[in-house]
PDB file of N, CA and C in Angstrom:
ATOM      1  N   UNK A   1     -25.976  -7.953  -6.332  1.00  0.00           N
ATOM      2  CA  UNK A   1     -25.063  -8.097  -5.336  1.00  0.00           C
ATOM      3  C   UNK A   1     -23.603  -7.779  -5.669  1.00  0.00           C
ATOM      4  N   UNK A   2     -23.237  -8.108  -6.786  1.00  0.00           N
ATOM      5  CA  UNK A   2     -21.906  -7.910  -7.264  1.00  0.00           C
ATOM      6  C   UNK A   2     -21.445  -6.541  -7.382  1.00  0.00           C
ATOM      7  N   UNK A   3     -22.250  -5.719  -7.885  1.00  0.00           N
ATOM      8  CA  UNK A   3     -21.773  -4.240  -7.982  1.00  0.00           C
ATOM      9  C   UNK A   3     -21.535  -3.754  -6.409  1.00  0.00           C
ATOM     10  N   UNK A   4     -22.415  -4.156  -5.660  1.00  0.00           N
ATOM     11  CA  UNK A   4     -22.278  -3.634  -4.208  1.00  0.00           C
ATOM     12  C   UNK A   4     -20.855  -4.264  -3.590  1.00  0.00           C
ATOM     13  N   UNK A   5     -20.544  -5.474  -3.996  1.00  0.00           N
ATOM     14  CA  UNK A   5     -19.347  -5.966  -3.426  1.00  0.00           C
ATOM     15  C   UNK A   5     -18.194  -5.307  -3.946  1.00  0.00           C
ATOM     16  N   UNK A   6     -18.323  -5.082  -5.256  1.00  0.00           N
ATOM     17  CA  UNK A   6     -17.041  -4.484  -5.895  1.00  0.00           C
ATOM     18  C   UNK A   6     -16.909  -3.121  -5.464  1.00  0.00           C
ATOM     19  N   UNK A   7     -17.860  -2.250  -5.022  1.00  0.00           N
ATOM     20  CA  UNK A   7     -17.703  -1.017  -4.521  1.00  0.00           C
ATOM     21  C   UNK A   7     -16.953  -1.275  -2.944  1.00  0.00           C
ATOM     22  N   UNK A   8     -17.376  -2.217  -2.149  1.00  0.00           N
ATOM     23  CA  UNK A   8     -16.890  -2.308  -1.056  1.00  0.00           C
ATOM     24  C   UNK A   8     -15.445  -2.773  -1.107  1.00  0.00           C
ATOM     25  N   UNK A   9     -15.131  -3.417  -2.013  1.00  0.00           N
ATOM     26  CA  UNK A   9     -13.568  -3.806  -2.215  1.00  0.00           C
ATOM     27  C   UNK A   9     -12.955  -2.677  -2.515  1.00  0.00           C
ATOM     28  N   UNK A  10     -13.362  -1.775  -3.324  1.00  0.00           N
ATOM     29  CA  UNK A  10     -12.661  -0.476  -3.783  1.00  0.00           C
ATOM     30  C   UNK A  10     -12.530   0.242  -2.437  1.00  0.00           C
ATOM     31  N   UNK A  11     -13.374   0.313  -1.554  1.00  0.00           N
ATOM     32  CA  UNK A  11     -13.375   1.121  -0.355  1.00  0.00           C
ATOM     33  C   UNK A  11     -12.402   0.388   0.456  1.00  0.00           C
ATOM     34  N   UNK A  12     -12.373  -0.832   0.633  1.00  0.00           N
ATOM     35  CA  UNK A  12     -11.552  -1.673   1.594  1.00  0.00           C
ATOM     36  C   UNK A  12     -10.076  -1.524   1.270  1.00  0.00           C
ATOM     37  N   UNK A  13      -9.755  -1.531  -0.077  1.00  0.00           N
ATOM     38  CA  UNK A  13      -8.336  -1.478  -0.410  1.00  0.00           C
ATOM     39  C   UNK A  13      -7.885   0.006  -0.860  1.00  0.00           C
ATOM     40  N   UNK A  14      -8.130   0.822   0.321  1.00  0.00           N
ATOM     41  CA  UNK A  14      -7.960   2.489   0.142  1.00  0.00           C
ATOM     42  C   UNK A  14      -6.529   2.440   0.492  1.00  0.00           C
ATOM     43  N   UNK A  15      -5.585   2.546  -0.584  1.00  0.00           N
ATOM     44  CA  UNK A  15      -4.111   3.000  -0.211  1.00  0.00           C
ATOM     45  C   UNK A  15      -3.940   4.472   0.213  1.00  0.00           C
ATOM     46  N   UNK A  16      -4.998   5.256  -0.092  1.00  0.00           N
ATOM     47  CA  UNK A  16      -5.100   6.644   0.081  1.00  0.00           C
ATOM     48  C   UNK A  16      -4.705   6.939   1.634  1.00  0.00           C
ATOM     49  N   UNK A  17      -5.286   6.110   2.477  1.00  0.00           N
ATOM     50  CA  UNK A  17      -5.196   6.391   3.852  1.00  0.00           C
ATOM     51  C   UNK A  17      -3.828   5.944   4.324  1.00  0.00           C
ATOM     52  N   UNK A  18      -3.185   5.165   3.725  1.00  0.00           N
ATOM     53  CA  UNK A  18      -1.739   4.820   4.042  1.00  0.00           C
ATOM     54  C   UNK A  18      -0.664   5.113   3.228  1.00  0.00           C
ATOM     55  N   UNK A  19      -1.032   5.506   2.013  1.00  0.00           N
ATOM     56  CA  UNK A  19       0.049   5.985   1.110  1.00  0.00           C
ATOM     57  C   UNK A  19       0.967   4.710   0.688  1.00  0.00           C
ATOM     58  N   UNK A  20       0.214   3.624   0.296  1.00  0.00           N
ATOM     59  CA  UNK A  20       0.976   2.307   0.224  1.00  0.00           C
ATOM     60  C   UNK A  20       1.625   2.222  -1.221  1.00  0.00           C
ATOM     61  N   UNK A  21       2.651   1.806  -1.472  1.00  0.00           N
ATOM     62  CA  UNK A  21       3.424   1.642  -2.488  1.00  0.00           C
ATOM     63  C   UNK A  21       3.066   0.006  -3.053  1.00  0.00           C
ATOM     64  N   UNK A  22       2.697  -0.371  -4.115  1.00  0.00           N
ATOM     65  CA  UNK A  22       2.293  -1.727  -4.439  1.00  0.00           C
ATOM     66  C   UNK A  22       3.621  -2.547  -4.445  1.00  0.00           C
ATOM     67  N   UNK A  23       4.835  -1.845  -4.603  1.00  0.00           N
ATOM     68  CA  UNK A  23       6.179  -2.656  -4.565  1.00  0.00           C
ATOM     69  C   UNK A  23       6.342  -3.081  -3.081  1.00  0.00           C
ATOM     70  N   UNK A  24       5.995  -2.429  -2.127  1.00  0.00           N
ATOM     71  CA  UNK A  24       6.100  -2.747  -0.644  1.00  0.00           C
ATOM     72  C   UNK A  24       5.102  -3.881  -0.141  1.00  0.00           C
ATOM     73  N   UNK A  25       4.048  -4.214  -0.974  1.00  0.00           N
ATOM     74  CA  UNK A  25       3.218  -5.239  -0.514  1.00  0.00           C
ATOM     75  C   UNK A  25       3.565  -6.629  -0.828  1.00  0.00           C
ATOM     76  N   UNK A  26       3.770  -7.322   0.254  1.00  0.00           N
ATOM     77  CA  UNK A  26       4.348  -8.742   0.174  1.00  0.00           C
ATOM     78  C   UNK A  26       2.958  -9.545  -0.194  1.00  0.00           C
ATOM     79  N   UNK A  27       1.984  -9.534   0.426  1.00  0.00           N
ATOM     80  CA  UNK A  27       0.849 -10.345   0.219  1.00  0.00           C
ATOM     81  C   UNK A  27      -0.382  -9.692   0.753  1.00  0.00           C
ATOM     82  N   UNK A  28      -1.564 -10.168   0.618  1.00  0.00           N
ATOM     83  CA  UNK A  28      -2.734  -9.621   0.964  1.00  0.00           C
ATOM     84  C   UNK A  28      -3.795 -10.801   1.445  1.00  0.00           C
ATOM     85  N   UNK A  29      -4.270 -10.741   2.682  1.00  0.00           N
ATOM     86  CA  UNK A  29      -5.389 -11.795   2.905  1.00  0.00           C
ATOM     87  C   UNK A  29      -6.656 -11.082   3.214  1.00  0.00           C
ATOM     88  N   UNK A  30      -7.779 -11.638   2.356  1.00  0.00           N
ATOM     89  CA  UNK A  30      -8.947 -11.160   2.524  1.00  0.00           C
ATOM     90  C   UNK A  30      -9.947 -12.315   3.309  1.00  0.00           C
ATOM     91  N   UNK A  31     -10.808 -11.692   4.031  1.00  0.00           N
ATOM     92  CA  UNK A  31     -11.681 -12.569   4.771  1.00  0.00           C
ATOM     93  C   UNK A  31     -13.186 -12.101   4.688  1.00  0.00           C
ATOM     94  N   UNK A  32     -13.970 -13.049   4.377  1.00  0.00           N
ATOM     95  CA  UNK A  32     -15.457 -12.659   4.394  1.00  0.00           C
ATOM     96  C   UNK A  32     -16.516 -13.412   5.234  1.00  0.00           C
ATOM     97  N   UNK A  33     -17.422 -12.786   5.589  1.00  0.00           N
ATOM     98  CA  UNK A  33     -18.401 -13.643   6.390  1.00  0.00           C
ATOM     99  C   UNK A  33     -19.088 -14.628   5.540  1.00  0.00           C
ATOM    100  N   UNK A  34     -19.541 -15.675   5.926  1.00  0.00           N
ATOM    101  CA  UNK A  34     -20.167 -16.668   5.113  1.00  0.00           C
ATOM    102  C   UNK A  34     -21.253 -16.154   4.140  1.00  0.00           C
ATOM    103  N   UNK A  35     -21.969 -15.142   4.597  1.00  0.00           N
ATOM    104  CA  UNK A  35     -23.107 -14.568   3.890  1.00  0.00           C
ATOM    105  C   UNK A  35     -22.838 -13.810   2.669  1.00  0.00           C
ATOM    106  N   UNK A  36     -21.554 -13.581   2.333  1.00  0.00           N
ATOM    107  CA  UNK A  36     -20.997 -12.902   1.282  1.00  0.00           C
ATOM    108  C   UNK A  36     -20.482 -14.038   0.207  1.00  0.00           C
ATOM    109  N   UNK A  37     -21.318 -14.415  -0.712  1.00  0.00           N
ATOM    110  CA  UNK A  37     -20.815 -15.524  -1.459  1.00  0.00           C
ATOM    111  C   UNK A  37     -20.949 -15.324  -2.951  1.00  0.00           C
ATOM    112  N   UNK A  38     -21.222 -14.010  -3.338  1.00  0.00           N
ATOM    113  CA  UNK A  38     -21.283 -13.608  -4.867  1.00  0.00           C
ATOM    114  C   UNK A  38     -20.006 -13.571  -5.596  1.00  0.00           C
ATOM    115  N   UNK A  39     -18.915 -13.302  -4.839  1.00  0.00           N
ATOM    116  CA  UNK A  39     -17.695 -13.319  -5.663  1.00  0.00           C
ATOM    117  C   UNK A  39     -16.462 -13.541  -4.675  1.00  0.00           C
ATOM    118  N   UNK A  40     -15.305 -13.912  -5.090  1.00  0.00           N
ATOM    119  CA  UNK A  40     -14.159 -14.092  -4.281  1.00  0.00           C
ATOM    120  C   UNK A  40     -13.598 -12.571  -4.071  1.00  0.00           C
ATOM    121  N   UNK A  41     -13.366 -12.202  -2.834  1.00  0.00           N
ATOM    122  CA  UNK A  41     -12.941 -10.843  -2.386  1.00  0.00           C
ATOM    123  C   UNK A  41     -11.589 -10.483  -3.282  1.00  0.00           C
ATOM    124  N   UNK A  42     -10.696 -11.254  -3.783  1.00  0.00           N
ATOM    125  CA  UNK A  42      -9.490 -10.841  -4.310  1.00  0.00           C
ATOM    126  C   UNK A  42      -9.776 -10.381  -5.746  1.00  0.00           C
ATOM    127  N   UNK A  43     -11.011 -10.746  -6.189  1.00  0.00           N
ATOM    128  CA  UNK A  43     -11.299 -10.608  -7.648  1.00  0.00           C
ATOM    129  C   UNK A  43     -11.137  -9.069  -8.173  1.00  0.00           C
ATOM    130  N   UNK A  44     -11.660  -8.211  -7.397  1.00  0.00           N
ATOM    131  CA  UNK A  44     -11.545  -6.742  -7.712  1.00  0.00           C
ATOM    132  C   UNK A  44     -10.066  -6.276  -7.483  1.00  0.00           C
ATOM    133  N   UNK A  45      -9.502  -6.645  -6.253  1.00  0.00           N
ATOM    134  CA  UNK A  45      -8.055  -6.057  -5.961  1.00  0.00           C
ATOM    135  C   UNK A  45      -7.195  -6.559  -6.902  1.00  0.00           C
ATOM    136  N   UNK A  46      -7.142  -7.685  -7.486  1.00  0.00           N
ATOM    137  CA  UNK A  46      -6.196  -7.932  -8.478  1.00  0.00           C
ATOM    138  C   UNK A  46      -6.160  -7.165  -9.807  1.00  0.00           C
ATOM    139  N   UNK A  47      -7.336  -6.395 -10.097  1.00  0.00           N
ATOM    140  CA  UNK A  47      -7.380  -5.583 -11.257  1.00  0.00           C
ATOM    141  C   UNK A  47      -6.692  -4.125 -10.900  1.00  0.00           C
ATOM    142  N   UNK A  48      -6.302  -3.947  -9.785  1.00  0.00           N
ATOM    143  CA  UNK A  48      -5.841  -2.731  -9.256  1.00  0.00           C
ATOM    144  C   UNK A  48      -4.391  -2.483  -9.895  1.00  0.00           C
ATOM    145  N   UNK A  49      -3.944  -1.420 -10.398  1.00  0.00           N
ATOM    146  CA  UNK A  49      -2.667  -1.146 -11.054  1.00  0.00           C
ATOM    147  C   UNK A  49      -1.468  -1.660  -9.956  1.00  0.00           C
ATOM    148  N   UNK A  50      -0.706  -2.235 -10.376  1.00  0.00           N
ATOM    149  CA  UNK A  50       0.449  -2.815  -9.676  1.00  0.00           C
ATOM    150  C   UNK A  50      -0.031  -4.029  -8.683  1.00  0.00           C
ATOM    151  N   UNK A  51      -1.115  -4.612  -8.721  1.00  0.00           N
ATOM    152  CA  UNK A  51      -1.648  -5.603  -7.766  1.00  0.00           C
ATOM    153  C   UNK A  51      -1.669  -6.980  -8.534  1.00  0.00           C
ATOM    154  N   UNK A  52      -1.279  -7.049  -9.593  1.00  0.00           N
ATOM    155  CA  UNK A  52      -1.521  -8.350 -10.489  1.00  0.00           C
ATOM    156  C   UNK A  52      -0.486  -9.423 -10.113  1.00  0.00           C
ATOM    157  N   UNK A  53       0.611  -9.005  -9.602  1.00  0.00           N
ATOM    158  CA  UNK A  53       1.652  -9.972  -9.230  1.00  0.00           C
ATOM    159  C   UNK A  53       1.839 -10.225  -7.575  1.00  0.00           C
ATOM    160  N   UNK A  54       0.795  -9.503  -6.839  1.00  0.00           N
ATOM    161  CA  UNK A  54       0.716  -9.648  -5.269  1.00  0.00           C
ATOM    162  C   UNK A  54       0.046 -10.980  -5.142  1.00  0.00           C
ATOM    163  N   UNK A  55       0.536 -11.742  -4.277  1.00  0.00           N
ATOM    164  CA  UNK A  55      -0.188 -12.997  -3.835  1.00  0.00           C
ATOM    165  C   UNK A  55      -1.468 -12.504  -3.018  1.00  0.00           C
ATOM    166  N   UNK A  56      -2.524 -13.076  -3.320  1.00  0.00           N
ATOM    167  CA  UNK A  56      -3.883 -12.736  -2.740  1.00  0.00           C
ATOM    168  C   UNK A  56      -4.244 -14.023  -2.260  1.00  0.00           C
ATOM    169  N   UNK A  57      -4.995 -13.926  -1.023  1.00  0.00           N
ATOM    170  CA  UNK A  57      -5.479 -15.122  -0.393  1.00  0.00           C
ATOM    171  C   UNK A  57      -6.693 -14.764   0.012  1.00  0.00           C
ATOM    172  N   UNK A  58      -7.964 -15.681  -0.112  1.00  0.00           N
ATOM    173  CA  UNK A  58      -9.291 -15.304   0.712  1.00  0.00           C
ATOM    174  C   UNK A  58      -9.757 -16.488   1.387  1.00  0.00           C
ATOM    175  N   UNK A  59     -10.187 -16.137   2.583  1.00  0.00           N
ATOM    176  CA  UNK A  59     -10.476 -17.145   3.430  1.00  0.00           C
ATOM    177  C   UNK A  59     -12.002 -16.829   4.063  1.00  0.00           C
ATOM    178  N   UNK A  60     -12.631 -17.755   4.628  1.00  0.00           N
ATOM    179  CA  UNK A  60     -13.790 -17.513   5.134  1.00  0.00           C
ATOM    180  C   UNK A  60     -13.969 -17.241   6.749  1.00  0.00           C
ATOM    181  N   UNK A  61     -14.531 -16.044   7.364  1.00  0.00           N
ATOM    182  CA  UNK A  61     -14.430 -15.854   8.654  1.00  0.00           C
ATOM    183  C   UNK A  61     -15.390 -17.068   9.254  1.00  0.00           C
ATOM    184  N   UNK A  62     -14.762 -17.214  10.803  1.00  0.00           N
ATOM    185  CA  UNK A  62     -15.820 -18.121  11.486  1.00  0.00           C
ATOM    186  C   UNK A  62     -17.175 -17.676  11.686  1.00  0.00           C
ATOM    187  N   UNK A  63     -18.049 -18.550  11.765  1.00  0.00           N
ATOM    188  CA  UNK A  63     -19.520 -18.125  12.235  1.00  0.00           C
ATOM    189  C   UNK A  63     -19.576 -18.014  13.710  1.00  0.00           C
ATOM    190  N   UNK A  64     -19.663 -16.903  14.391  1.00  0.00           N
ATOM    191  CA  UNK A  64     -19.849 -16.675  15.709  1.00  0.00           C
ATOM    192  C   UNK A  64     -21.303 -16.028  16.043  1.00  0.00           C
ATOM    193  N   UNK A  65     -21.892 -16.492  17.064  1.00  0.00           N
ATOM    194  CA  UNK A  65     -23.254 -15.882  17.323  1.00  0.00           C
ATOM    195  C   UNK A  65     -23.152 -14.397  17.337  1.00  0.00           C
ATOM    196  N   UNK A  66     -24.033 -13.630  16.860  1.00  0.00           N
ATOM    197  CA  UNK A  66     -24.201 -12.184  17.024  1.00  0.00           C
ATOM    198  C   UNK A  66     -23.028 -11.511  16.534  1.00  0.00           C
ATOM    199  N   UNK A  67     -22.253 -12.076  15.677  1.00  0.00           N
ATOM    200  CA  UNK A  67     -21.092 -11.309  15.108  1.00  0.00           C
ATOM    201  C   UNK A  67     -21.509 -10.533  13.936  1.00  0.00           C
ATOM    202  N   UNK A  68     -20.820  -9.646  13.436  1.00  0.00           N
ATOM    203  CA  UNK A  68     -21.002  -8.676  12.242  1.00  0.00           C
ATOM    204  C   UNK A  68     -21.283  -9.537  11.019  1.00  0.00           C
ATOM    205  N   UNK A  69     -22.298  -9.151  10.347  1.00  0.00           N
ATOM    206  CA  UNK A  69     -22.494  -9.985   9.154  1.00  0.00           C
ATOM    207  C   UNK A  69     -22.016  -8.984   7.876  1.00  0.00           C
ATOM    208  N   UNK A  70     -22.146  -9.451   6.737  1.00  0.00           N
ATOM    209  CA  UNK A  70     -21.732  -8.867   5.501  1.00  0.00           C
ATOM    210  C   UNK A  70     -20.402  -8.171   5.819  1.00  0.00           C
ATOM    211  N   UNK A  71     -19.416  -8.708   6.305  1.00  0.00           N
ATOM    212  CA  UNK A  71     -18.093  -8.047   6.519  1.00  0.00           C
ATOM    213  C   UNK A  71     -16.954  -8.619   5.840  1.00  0.00           C
ATOM    214  N   UNK A  72     -15.985  -7.704   5.154  1.00  0.00           N
ATOM    215  CA  UNK A  72     -14.940  -8.207   4.550  1.00  0.00           C
ATOM    216  C   UNK A  72     -13.880  -7.474   5.086  1.00  0.00           C
ATOM    217  N   UNK A  73     -12.810  -8.274   5.643  1.00  0.00           N
ATOM    218  CA  UNK A  73     -11.656  -7.833   6.181  1.00  0.00           C
ATOM    219  C   UNK A  73     -10.452  -8.015   5.237  1.00  0.00           C
ATOM    220  N   UNK A  74      -9.465  -6.922   5.145  1.00  0.00           N
ATOM    221  CA  UNK A  74      -8.396  -6.999   4.416  1.00  0.00           C
ATOM    222  C   UNK A  74      -7.131  -6.817   5.447  1.00  0.00           C
ATOM    223  N   UNK A  75      -6.154  -7.791   5.173  1.00  0.00           N
ATOM    224  CA  UNK A  75      -4.968  -7.696   6.048  1.00  0.00           C
ATOM    225  C   UNK A  75      -3.806  -7.589   5.020  1.00  0.00           C
ATOM    226  N   UNK A  76      -3.115  -6.439   4.925  1.00  0.00           N
ATOM    227  CA  UNK A  76      -2.055  -6.322   3.964  1.00  0.00           C
ATOM    228  C   UNK A  76      -0.730  -6.325   4.740  1.00  0.00           C
ATOM    229  N   UNK A  77       0.107  -7.291   4.192  1.00  0.00           N
ATOM    230  CA  UNK A  77       1.513  -7.468   4.688  1.00  0.00           C
ATOM    231  C   UNK A  77       2.417  -6.551   3.839  1.00  0.00           C
ATOM    232  N   UNK A  78       3.159  -5.749   4.581  1.00  0.00           N
ATOM    233  CA  UNK A  78       4.166  -4.795   3.967  1.00  0.00           C
ATOM    234  C   UNK A  78       5.562  -5.029   4.316  1.00  0.00           C
ATOM    235  N   UNK A  79       6.399  -4.726   3.336  1.00  0.00           N
ATOM    236  CA  UNK A  79       7.843  -4.499   3.511  1.00  0.00           C
ATOM    237  C   UNK A  79       8.091  -2.927   3.548  1.00  0.00           C
ATOM    238  N   UNK A  80       8.062  -2.288   4.804  1.00  0.00           N
ATOM    239  CA  UNK A  80       8.047  -0.775   4.352  1.00  0.00           C
ATOM    240  C   UNK A  80       9.080  -0.146   5.359  1.00  0.00           C
ATOM    241  N   UNK A  81       9.717   0.889   5.162  1.00  0.00           N
ATOM    242  CA  UNK A  81      10.566   1.680   6.049  1.00  0.00           C
ATOM    243  C   UNK A  81       9.769   2.526   6.989  1.00  0.00           C
ATOM    244  N   UNK A  82       8.448   2.597   6.805  1.00  0.00           N
ATOM    245  CA  UNK A  82       7.682   3.431   7.734  1.00  0.00           C
ATOM    246  C   UNK A  82       7.484   2.830   9.270  1.00  0.00           C
ATOM    247  N   UNK A  83       7.458   3.584  10.189  1.00  0.00           N
ATOM    248  CA  UNK A  83       7.158   3.088  11.420  1.00  0.00           C
ATOM    249  C   UNK A  83       5.707   2.607  11.675  1.00  0.00           C
ATOM    250  N   UNK A  84       5.427   1.858  12.484  1.00  0.00           N
ATOM    251  CA  UNK A  84       4.050   1.200  12.655  1.00  0.00           C
ATOM    252  C   UNK A  84       2.957   2.441  12.928  1.00  0.00           C
ATOM    253  N   UNK A  85       3.525   3.325  13.817  1.00  0.00           N
ATOM    254  CA  UNK A  85       2.646   4.612  14.194  1.00  0.00           C
ATOM    255  C   UNK A  85       2.257   5.454  12.933  1.00  0.00           C
ATOM    256  N   UNK A  86       3.058   5.128  11.737  1.00  0.00           N
ATOM    257  CA  UNK A  86       2.620   5.925  10.549  1.00  0.00           C
ATOM    258  C   UNK A  86       1.620   5.176   9.806  1.00  0.00           C
ATOM    259  N   UNK A  87       1.269   4.029  10.078  1.00  0.00           N
ATOM    260  CA  UNK A  87       0.242   3.253   9.265  1.00  0.00           C
ATOM    261  C   UNK A  87      -0.884   3.234  10.180  1.00  0.00           C
ATOM    262  N   UNK A  88      -2.093   3.619   9.405  1.00  0.00           N
ATOM    263  CA  UNK A  88      -3.423   3.716  10.185  1.00  0.00           C
ATOM    264  C   UNK A  88      -4.458   2.405   9.728  1.00  0.00           C
ATOM    265  N   UNK A  89      -4.848   1.789  10.696  1.00  0.00           N
ATOM    266  CA  UNK A  89      -5.804   0.824  10.420  1.00  0.00           C
ATOM    267  C   UNK A  89      -7.184   1.486   9.896  1.00  0.00           C
ATOM    268  N   UNK A  90      -7.905   0.865   8.839  1.00  0.00           N
ATOM    269  CA  UNK A  90      -9.060   1.519   8.420  1.00  0.00           C
ATOM    270  C   UNK A  90     -10.255   0.575   8.544  1.00  0.00           C
ATOM    271  N   UNK A  91     -11.145   1.084   9.252  1.00  0.00           N
ATOM    272  CA  UNK A  91     -12.308   0.369   9.500  1.00  0.00           C
ATOM    273  C   UNK A  91     -13.604   1.092   9.209  1.00  0.00           C
ATOM    274  N   UNK A  92     -14.224   0.727   7.969  1.00  0.00           N
ATOM    275  CA  UNK A  92     -15.248   1.392   7.183  1.00  0.00           C
ATOM    276  C   UNK A  92     -16.772   1.117   7.720  1.00  0.00           C
ATOM    277  N   UNK A  93     -17.681   1.926   7.787  1.00  0.00           N
ATOM    278  CA  UNK A  93     -18.948   1.755   8.066  1.00  0.00           C
ATOM    279  C   UNK A  93     -19.212   0.938   9.342  1.00  0.00           C
ATOM    280  N   UNK A  94     -20.014  -0.199   9.468  1.00  0.00           N
ATOM    281  CA  UNK A  94     -20.342  -0.994  10.727  1.00  0.00           C
ATOM    282  C   UNK A  94     -18.908  -1.551  11.214  1.00  0.00           C
ATOM    283  N   UNK A  95     -17.942  -1.826  10.415  1.00  0.00           N
ATOM    284  CA  UNK A  95     -16.734  -2.499  10.935  1.00  0.00           C
ATOM    285  C   UNK A  95     -16.124  -1.573  11.986  1.00  0.00           C
ATOM    286  N   UNK A  96     -16.363  -0.368  12.012  1.00  0.00           N
ATOM    287  CA  UNK A  96     -15.757   0.549  13.014  1.00  0.00           C
ATOM    288  C   UNK A  96     -15.974  -0.182  14.533  1.00  0.00           C
ATOM    289  N   UNK A  97     -17.090  -0.643  14.520  1.00  0.00           N
ATOM    290  CA  UNK A  97     -17.322  -1.120  15.970  1.00  0.00           C
ATOM    291  C   UNK A  97     -16.482  -2.396  16.267  1.00  0.00           C
ATOM    292  N   UNK A  98     -15.883  -2.988  15.443  1.00  0.00           N
ATOM    293  CA  UNK A  98     -14.911  -4.185  15.772  1.00  0.00           C
ATOM    294  C   UNK A  98     -13.749  -3.593  16.481  1.00  0.00           C
ATOM    295  N   UNK A  99     -13.202  -2.609  16.360  1.00  0.00           N
ATOM    296  CA  UNK A  99     -12.082  -1.998  17.016  1.00  0.00           C
ATOM    297  C   UNK A  99     -12.177  -0.500  17.192  1.00  0.00           C
ATOM    298  N   UNK A 100     -13.177  -0.098  18.006  1.00  0.00           N
ATOM    299  CA  UNK A 100     -13.158   1.305  18.180  1.00  0.00           C
ATOM    300  C   UNK A 100     -12.162   1.923  18.726  1.00  0.00           C
ATOM    301  N   UNK A 101     -11.195   1.165  19.358  1.00  0.00           N
ATOM    302  CA  UNK A 101      -9.965   1.738  19.871  1.00  0.00           C
ATOM    303  C   UNK A 101      -8.781   2.365  18.800  1.00  0.00           C
ATOM    304  N   UNK A 102      -9.015   1.620  17.711  1.00  0.00           N
ATOM    305  CA  UNK A 102      -8.132   2.098  16.731  1.00  0.00           C
ATOM    306  C   UNK A 102      -8.547   2.328  15.340  1.00  0.00           C
ATOM    307  N   UNK A 103      -9.891   2.468  15.294  1.00  0.00           N
ATOM    308  CA  UNK A 103     -10.660   2.597  13.937  1.00  0.00           C
ATOM    309  C   UNK A 103     -10.452   3.980  13.586  1.00  0.00           C
ATOM    310  N   UNK A 104     -10.048   4.114  12.230  1.00  0.00           N
ATOM    311  CA  UNK A 104     -10.165   5.481  11.543  1.00  0.00           C
ATOM    312  C   UNK A 104     -11.527   5.620  10.935  1.00  0.00           C
ATOM    313  N   UNK A 105     -12.387   6.392  11.531  1.00  0.00           N
ATOM    314  CA  UNK A 105     -13.709   6.625  10.949  1.00  0.00           C
ATOM    315  C   UNK A 105     -13.599   7.759   9.981  1.00  0.00           C
ATOM    316  N   UNK A 106     -14.448   7.310   8.830  1.00  0.00           N
ATOM    317  CA  UNK A 106     -14.574   8.242   7.602  1.00  0.00           C
ATOM    318  C   UNK A 106     -16.090   8.893   7.745  1.00  0.00           C
TER     319      UNK A 106
END
């Protein structure tokens, strides 16, 4: 399970979709559904270049009936000169159903 989670984390933290500069990242919050318990979500992210000094927080998502399972969410807090409309939310795989109104499908 750990290699699968590591791959998901690499996908989730895709700076290429938003051209993020690690110097602009204030902090990052990861949340995971309770069924994902093999590793802490920030464990892979903190090894990324420039991410070793960024505060990373992980939390567990609420258990809600019929909610999406095996889901990791990442919220990146930025100080950036870019306008909001220049930043694109990224929803991968089944997570795209969470916000189809703004999901960037790959």
